[in-house]
Amino acid sequence: MLPHAILATNLEKYPEDLENYVLKPLFSFAGSGVLINVTKQDLDAVPKIRKTYIYRKKWLTHLQ
């Protein structure tokens, strides 16, 4: 099972439970550019080329 993810361009409103999401560039190497503790300010600061970013639900493997 994979965590839920959505392209930033398809996001209509910010999730209420931001603590459960990460903001990630689609093409990143070794985790570069990934924001783990996302805030609304972080989301507002996403570059204009939003199609290259996704919001992904955190996957807590220790709870699986």
PDB file of N, CA and C in Angstrom:
ATOM      1  N   MET A   1       0.832  -1.180   0.000  1.00  0.00           N
ATOM      2  CA  MET A   1       0.000   0.000   0.000  1.00  0.00           C
ATOM      3  C   MET A   1       0.886   1.258   0.000  1.00  0.00           C
ATOM      4  N   LEU A   2       0.557   2.188  -0.866  1.00  0.00           N
ATOM      5  CA  LEU A   2       1.322   3.429  -0.973  1.00  0.00           C
ATOM      6  C   LEU A   2       0.566   4.571  -0.323  1.00  0.00           C
ATOM      7  N   PRO A   3       1.280   5.568   0.172  1.00  0.00           N
ATOM      8  CA  PRO A   3       0.612   6.722   0.775  1.00  0.00           C
ATOM      9  C   PRO A   3      -0.087   7.571  -0.291  1.00  0.00           C
ATOM     10  N   HIS A   4      -1.168   8.217   0.096  1.00  0.00           N
ATOM     11  CA  HIS A   4      -1.928   9.093  -0.786  1.00  0.00           C
ATOM     12  C   HIS A   4      -1.058  10.271  -1.217  1.00  0.00           C
ATOM     13  N   ALA A   5      -1.109  10.620  -2.503  1.00  0.00           N
ATOM     14  CA  ALA A   5      -0.349  11.766  -3.014  1.00  0.00           C
ATOM     15  C   ALA A   5      -1.211  12.519  -4.015  1.00  0.00           C
ATOM     16  N   ILE A   6      -0.988  13.826  -4.117  1.00  0.00           N
ATOM     17  CA  ILE A   6      -1.720  14.651  -5.061  1.00  0.00           C
ATOM     18  C   ILE A   6      -0.767  15.702  -5.633  1.00  0.00           C
ATOM     19  N   LEU A   7      -0.878  15.942  -6.938  1.00  0.00           N
ATOM     20  CA  LEU A   7      -0.084  17.001  -7.556  1.00  0.00           C
ATOM     21  C   LEU A   7      -0.518  18.343  -6.999  1.00  0.00           C
ATOM     22  N   ALA A   8       0.427  19.221  -6.800  1.00  0.00           N
ATOM     23  CA  ALA A   8       0.123  20.538  -6.242  1.00  0.00           C
ATOM     24  C   ALA A   8      -0.851  21.302  -7.138  1.00  0.00           C
ATOM     25  N   THR A   9      -0.781  21.090  -8.438  1.00  0.00           N
ATOM     26  CA  THR A   9      -1.693  21.784  -9.352  1.00  0.00           C
ATOM     27  C   THR A   9      -3.134  21.308  -9.199  1.00  0.00           C
ATOM     28  N   ASN A  10      -3.335  20.112  -8.667  1.00  0.00           N
ATOM     29  CA  ASN A  10      -4.679  19.554  -8.497  1.00  0.00           C
ATOM     30  C   ASN A  10      -5.270  19.830  -7.122  1.00  0.00           C
ATOM     31  N   LEU A  11      -4.511  20.472  -6.259  1.00  0.00           N
ATOM     32  CA  LEU A  11      -4.965  20.740  -4.901  1.00  0.00           C
ATOM     33  C   LEU A  11      -5.861  21.976  -4.890  1.00  0.00           C
ATOM     34  N   GLU A  12      -7.104  21.805  -4.487  1.00  0.00           N
ATOM     35  CA  GLU A  12      -8.046  22.917  -4.466  1.00  0.00           C
ATOM     36  C   GLU A  12      -7.954  23.730  -3.185  1.00  0.00           C
ATOM     37  N   LYS A  13      -7.691  23.062  -2.070  1.00  0.00           N
ATOM     38  CA  LYS A  13      -7.493  23.750  -0.795  1.00  0.00           C
ATOM     39  C   LYS A  13      -6.494  22.936   0.022  1.00  0.00           C
ATOM     40  N   TYR A  14      -5.866  23.598   0.972  1.00  0.00           N
ATOM     41  CA  TYR A  14      -4.879  22.909   1.801  1.00  0.00           C
ATOM     42  C   TYR A  14      -5.562  21.917   2.728  1.00  0.00           C
ATOM     43  N   PRO A  15      -4.930  20.760   2.940  1.00  0.00           N
ATOM     44  CA  PRO A  15      -5.479  19.805   3.899  1.00  0.00           C
ATOM     45  C   PRO A  15      -5.515  20.409   5.306  1.00  0.00           C
ATOM     46  N   GLU A  16      -6.528  20.083   6.061  1.00  0.00           N
ATOM     47  CA  GLU A  16      -6.634  20.570   7.447  1.00  0.00           C
ATOM     48  C   GLU A  16      -5.569  19.937   8.339  1.00  0.00           C
ATOM     49  N   ASP A  17      -5.198  18.711   8.025  1.00  0.00           N
ATOM     50  CA  ASP A  17      -4.233  17.966   8.846  1.00  0.00           C
ATOM     51  C   ASP A  17      -2.826  18.013   8.229  1.00  0.00           C
ATOM     52  N   LEU A  18      -2.285  19.214   8.078  1.00  0.00           N
ATOM     53  CA  LEU A  18      -0.974  19.382   7.440  1.00  0.00           C
ATOM     54  C   LEU A  18       0.130  18.586   8.125  1.00  0.00           C
ATOM     55  N   GLU A  19      -0.027  18.318   9.405  1.00  0.00           N
ATOM     56  CA  GLU A  19       1.011  17.561  10.124  1.00  0.00           C
ATOM     57  C   GLU A  19       1.151  16.141   9.584  1.00  0.00           C
ATOM     58  N   ASN A  20       0.183  15.697   8.800  1.00  0.00           N
ATOM     59  CA  ASN A  20       0.220  14.351   8.233  1.00  0.00           C
ATOM     60  C   ASN A  20       0.707  14.316   6.794  1.00  0.00           C
ATOM     61  N   TYR A  21       1.212  15.441   6.282  1.00  0.00           N
ATOM     62  CA  TYR A  21       1.656  15.528   4.897  1.00  0.00           C
ATOM     63  C   TYR A  21       3.099  16.004   4.790  1.00  0.00           C
ATOM     64  N   VAL A  22       3.724  15.650   3.674  1.00  0.00           N
ATOM     65  CA  VAL A  22       5.017  16.201   3.298  1.00  0.00           C
ATOM     66  C   VAL A  22       4.837  16.900   1.955  1.00  0.00           C
ATOM     67  N   LEU A  23       5.666  17.878   1.689  1.00  0.00           N
ATOM     68  CA  LEU A  23       5.690  18.573   0.412  1.00  0.00           C
ATOM     69  C   LEU A  23       6.964  18.159  -0.284  1.00  0.00           C
ATOM     70  N   LYS A  24       6.833  17.644  -1.508  1.00  0.00           N
ATOM     71  CA  LYS A  24       7.975  17.016  -2.149  1.00  0.00           C
ATOM     72  C   LYS A  24       8.035  17.380  -3.624  1.00  0.00           C
ATOM     73  N   PRO A  25       9.229  17.761  -4.103  1.00  0.00           N
ATOM     74  CA  PRO A  25       9.386  17.914  -5.549  1.00  0.00           C
ATOM     75  C   PRO A  25       9.245  16.529  -6.197  1.00  0.00           C
ATOM     76  N   LEU A  26       8.634  16.471  -7.368  1.00  0.00           N
ATOM     77  CA  LEU A  26       8.513  15.182  -8.053  1.00  0.00           C
ATOM     78  C   LEU A  26       9.872  14.553  -8.321  1.00  0.00           C
ATOM     79  N   PHE A  27      10.813  15.382  -8.719  1.00  0.00           N
ATOM     80  CA  PHE A  27      12.138  14.882  -9.068  1.00  0.00           C
ATOM     81  C   PHE A  27      13.147  15.419  -8.067  1.00  0.00           C
ATOM     82  N   SER A  28      13.391  14.633  -7.046  1.00  0.00           N
ATOM     83  CA  SER A  28      14.384  15.024  -6.045  1.00  0.00           C
ATOM     84  C   SER A  28      15.348  13.862  -5.856  1.00  0.00           C
ATOM     85  N   PHE A  29      16.557  14.177  -5.474  1.00  0.00           N
ATOM     86  CA  PHE A  29      17.570  13.155  -5.266  1.00  0.00           C
ATOM     87  C   PHE A  29      17.892  13.069  -3.785  1.00  0.00           C
ATOM     88  N   ALA A  30      17.793  11.889  -3.226  1.00  0.00           N
ATOM     89  CA  ALA A  30      18.154  11.621  -1.833  1.00  0.00           C
ATOM     90  C   ALA A  30      17.403  12.521  -0.852  1.00  0.00           C
ATOM     91  N   GLY A  31      16.154  12.828  -1.173  1.00  0.00           N
ATOM     92  CA  GLY A  31      15.327  13.603  -0.259  1.00  0.00           C
ATOM     93  C   GLY A  31      15.527  15.100  -0.315  1.00  0.00           C
ATOM     94  N   SER A  32      16.321  15.587  -1.265  1.00  0.00           N
ATOM     95  CA  SER A  32      16.563  17.032  -1.323  1.00  0.00           C
ATOM     96  C   SER A  32      15.278  17.763  -1.705  1.00  0.00           C
ATOM     97  N   GLY A  33      14.991  18.825  -0.991  1.00  0.00           N
ATOM     98  CA  GLY A  33      13.810  19.633  -1.267  1.00  0.00           C
ATOM     99  C   GLY A  33      12.543  19.178  -0.580  1.00  0.00           C
ATOM    100  N   VAL A  34      12.583  18.071   0.149  1.00  0.00           N
ATOM    101  CA  VAL A  34      11.395  17.550   0.823  1.00  0.00           C
ATOM    102  C   VAL A  34      11.178  18.306   2.134  1.00  0.00           C
ATOM    103  N   LEU A  35       9.965  18.816   2.344  1.00  0.00           N
ATOM    104  CA  LEU A  35       9.600  19.473   3.600  1.00  0.00           C
ATOM    105  C   LEU A  35       8.745  18.509   4.404  1.00  0.00           C
ATOM    106  N   ILE A  36       9.196  18.169   5.598  1.00  0.00           N
ATOM    107  CA  ILE A  36       8.505  17.166   6.407  1.00  0.00           C
ATOM    108  C   ILE A  36       7.457  17.791   7.316  1.00  0.00           C
ATOM    109  N   ASN A  37       7.772  18.885   7.956  1.00  0.00           N
ATOM    110  CA  ASN A  37       6.816  19.568   8.835  1.00  0.00           C
ATOM    111  C   ASN A  37       6.261  20.784   8.099  1.00  0.00           C
ATOM    112  N   VAL A  38       5.274  20.543   7.269  1.00  0.00           N
ATOM    113  CA  VAL A  38       4.738  21.545   6.352  1.00  0.00           C
ATOM    114  C   VAL A  38       3.839  22.542   7.080  1.00  0.00           C
ATOM    115  N   THR A  39       4.000  23.826   6.723  1.00  0.00           N
ATOM    116  CA  THR A  39       3.126  24.881   7.239  1.00  0.00           C
ATOM    117  C   THR A  39       2.411  25.539   6.052  1.00  0.00           C
ATOM    118  N   LYS A  40       1.386  26.322   6.344  1.00  0.00           N
ATOM    119  CA  LYS A  40       0.689  27.039   5.276  1.00  0.00           C
ATOM    120  C   LYS A  40       1.627  28.016   4.584  1.00  0.00           C
ATOM    121  N   GLN A  41       2.572  28.584   5.320  1.00  0.00           N
ATOM    122  CA  GLN A  41       3.551  29.484   4.728  1.00  0.00           C
ATOM    123  C   GLN A  41       4.436  28.740   3.719  1.00  0.00           C
ATOM    124  N   ASP A  42       4.794  27.508   4.044  1.00  0.00           N
ATOM    125  CA  ASP A  42       5.561  26.687   3.104  1.00  0.00           C
ATOM    126  C   ASP A  42       4.769  26.458   1.823  1.00  0.00           C
ATOM    127  N   LEU A  43       3.494  26.156   1.985  1.00  0.00           N
ATOM    128  CA  LEU A  43       2.657  25.882   0.823  1.00  0.00           C
ATOM    129  C   LEU A  43       2.495  27.125  -0.041  1.00  0.00           C
ATOM    130  N   ASP A  44       2.364  28.272   0.589  1.00  0.00           N
ATOM    131  CA  ASP A  44       2.247  29.522  -0.162  1.00  0.00           C
ATOM    132  C   ASP A  44       3.535  29.849  -0.919  1.00  0.00           C
ATOM    133  N   ALA A  45       4.653  29.360  -0.423  1.00  0.00           N
ATOM    134  CA  ALA A  45       5.945  29.667  -1.019  1.00  0.00           C
ATOM    135  C   ALA A  45       6.347  28.710  -2.137  1.00  0.00           C
ATOM    136  N   VAL A  46       5.507  27.723  -2.428  1.00  0.00           N
ATOM    137  CA  VAL A  46       5.822  26.781  -3.506  1.00  0.00           C
ATOM    138  C   VAL A  46       5.969  27.571  -4.802  1.00  0.00           C
ATOM    139  N   PRO A  47       7.001  27.277  -5.569  1.00  0.00           N
ATOM    140  CA  PRO A  47       7.219  28.010  -6.811  1.00  0.00           C
ATOM    141  C   PRO A  47       5.997  27.983  -7.728  1.00  0.00           C
ATOM    142  N   LYS A  48       5.958  28.928  -8.640  1.00  0.00           N
ATOM    143  CA  LYS A  48       4.834  29.036  -9.568  1.00  0.00           C
ATOM    144  C   LYS A  48       4.672  27.777 -10.421  1.00  0.00           C
ATOM    145  N   ILE A  49       5.750  27.057 -10.629  1.00  0.00           N
ATOM    146  CA  ILE A  49       5.676  25.827 -11.425  1.00  0.00           C
ATOM    147  C   ILE A  49       5.224  24.693 -10.512  1.00  0.00           C
ATOM    148  N   ARG A  50       3.987  24.774 -10.055  1.00  0.00           N
ATOM    149  CA  ARG A  50       3.455  23.850  -9.063  1.00  0.00           C
ATOM    150  C   ARG A  50       3.310  22.424  -9.585  1.00  0.00           C
ATOM    151  N   LYS A  51       3.311  22.242 -10.900  1.00  0.00           N
ATOM    152  CA  LYS A  51       3.125  20.896 -11.443  1.00  0.00           C
ATOM    153  C   LYS A  51       4.290  19.973 -11.122  1.00  0.00           C
ATOM    154  N   THR A  52       5.371  20.527 -10.599  1.00  0.00           N
ATOM    155  CA  THR A  52       6.524  19.687 -10.268  1.00  0.00           C
ATOM    156  C   THR A  52       6.578  19.331  -8.785  1.00  0.00           C
ATOM    157  N   TYR A  53       5.514  19.617  -8.041  1.00  0.00           N
ATOM    158  CA  TYR A  53       5.461  19.305  -6.607  1.00  0.00           C
ATOM    159  C   TYR A  53       4.255  18.426  -6.302  1.00  0.00           C
ATOM    160  N   ILE A  54       4.384  17.591  -5.276  1.00  0.00           N
ATOM    161  CA  ILE A  54       3.252  16.799  -4.788  1.00  0.00           C
ATOM    162  C   ILE A  54       3.120  16.985  -3.283  1.00  0.00           C
ATOM    163  N   TYR A  55       1.914  16.795  -2.807  1.00  0.00           N
ATOM    164  CA  TYR A  55       1.642  16.676  -1.376  1.00  0.00           C
ATOM    165  C   TYR A  55       1.425  15.201  -1.146  1.00  0.00           C
ATOM    166  N   ARG A  56       2.142  14.641  -0.198  1.00  0.00           N
ATOM    167  CA  ARG A  56       2.031  13.216   0.051  1.00  0.00           C
ATOM    168  C   ARG A  56       1.755  12.968   1.515  1.00  0.00           C
ATOM    169  N   LYS A  57       0.842  12.071   1.774  1.00  0.00           N
ATOM    170  CA  LYS A  57       0.508  11.678   3.126  1.00  0.00           C
ATOM    171  C   LYS A  57       1.737  11.007   3.744  1.00  0.00           C
ATOM    172  N   LYS A  58       2.068  11.358   4.976  1.00  0.00           N
ATOM    173  CA  LYS A  58       3.194  10.707   5.654  1.00  0.00           C
ATOM    174  C   LYS A  58       2.869   9.237   5.844  1.00  0.00           C
ATOM    175  N   TRP A  59       3.880   8.425   5.670  1.00  0.00           N
ATOM    176  CA  TRP A  59       3.715   6.989   5.794  1.00  0.00           C
ATOM    177  C   TRP A  59       4.477   6.541   7.026  1.00  0.00           C
ATOM    178  N   LEU A  60       3.744   6.260   8.077  1.00  0.00           N
ATOM    179  CA  LEU A  60       4.364   5.876   9.347  1.00  0.00           C
ATOM    180  C   LEU A  60       4.511   4.358   9.370  1.00  0.00           C
ATOM    181  N   THR A  61       5.662   3.873   8.931  1.00  0.00           N
ATOM    182  CA  THR A  61       5.874   2.435   8.816  1.00  0.00           C
ATOM    183  C   THR A  61       5.876   1.736  10.167  1.00  0.00           C
ATOM    184  N   HIS A  62       6.223   2.464  11.224  1.00  0.00           N
ATOM    185  CA  HIS A  62       6.259   1.809  12.531  1.00  0.00           C
ATOM    186  C   HIS A  62       4.843   1.529  13.055  1.00  0.00           C
ATOM    187  N   LEU A  63       3.824   2.086  12.417  1.00  0.00           N
ATOM    188  CA  LEU A  63       2.444   1.812  12.814  1.00  0.00           C
ATOM    189  C   LEU A  63       1.792   0.737  11.962  1.00  0.00           C
ATOM    190  N   GLN A  64       2.477   0.311  10.923  1.00  0.00           N
ATOM    191  CA  GLN A  64       1.927  -0.698   9.996  1.00  0.00           C
ATOM    192  C   GLN A  64       1.971  -2.069  10.610  1.00  0.00           C
TER     193      GLN A  64
END
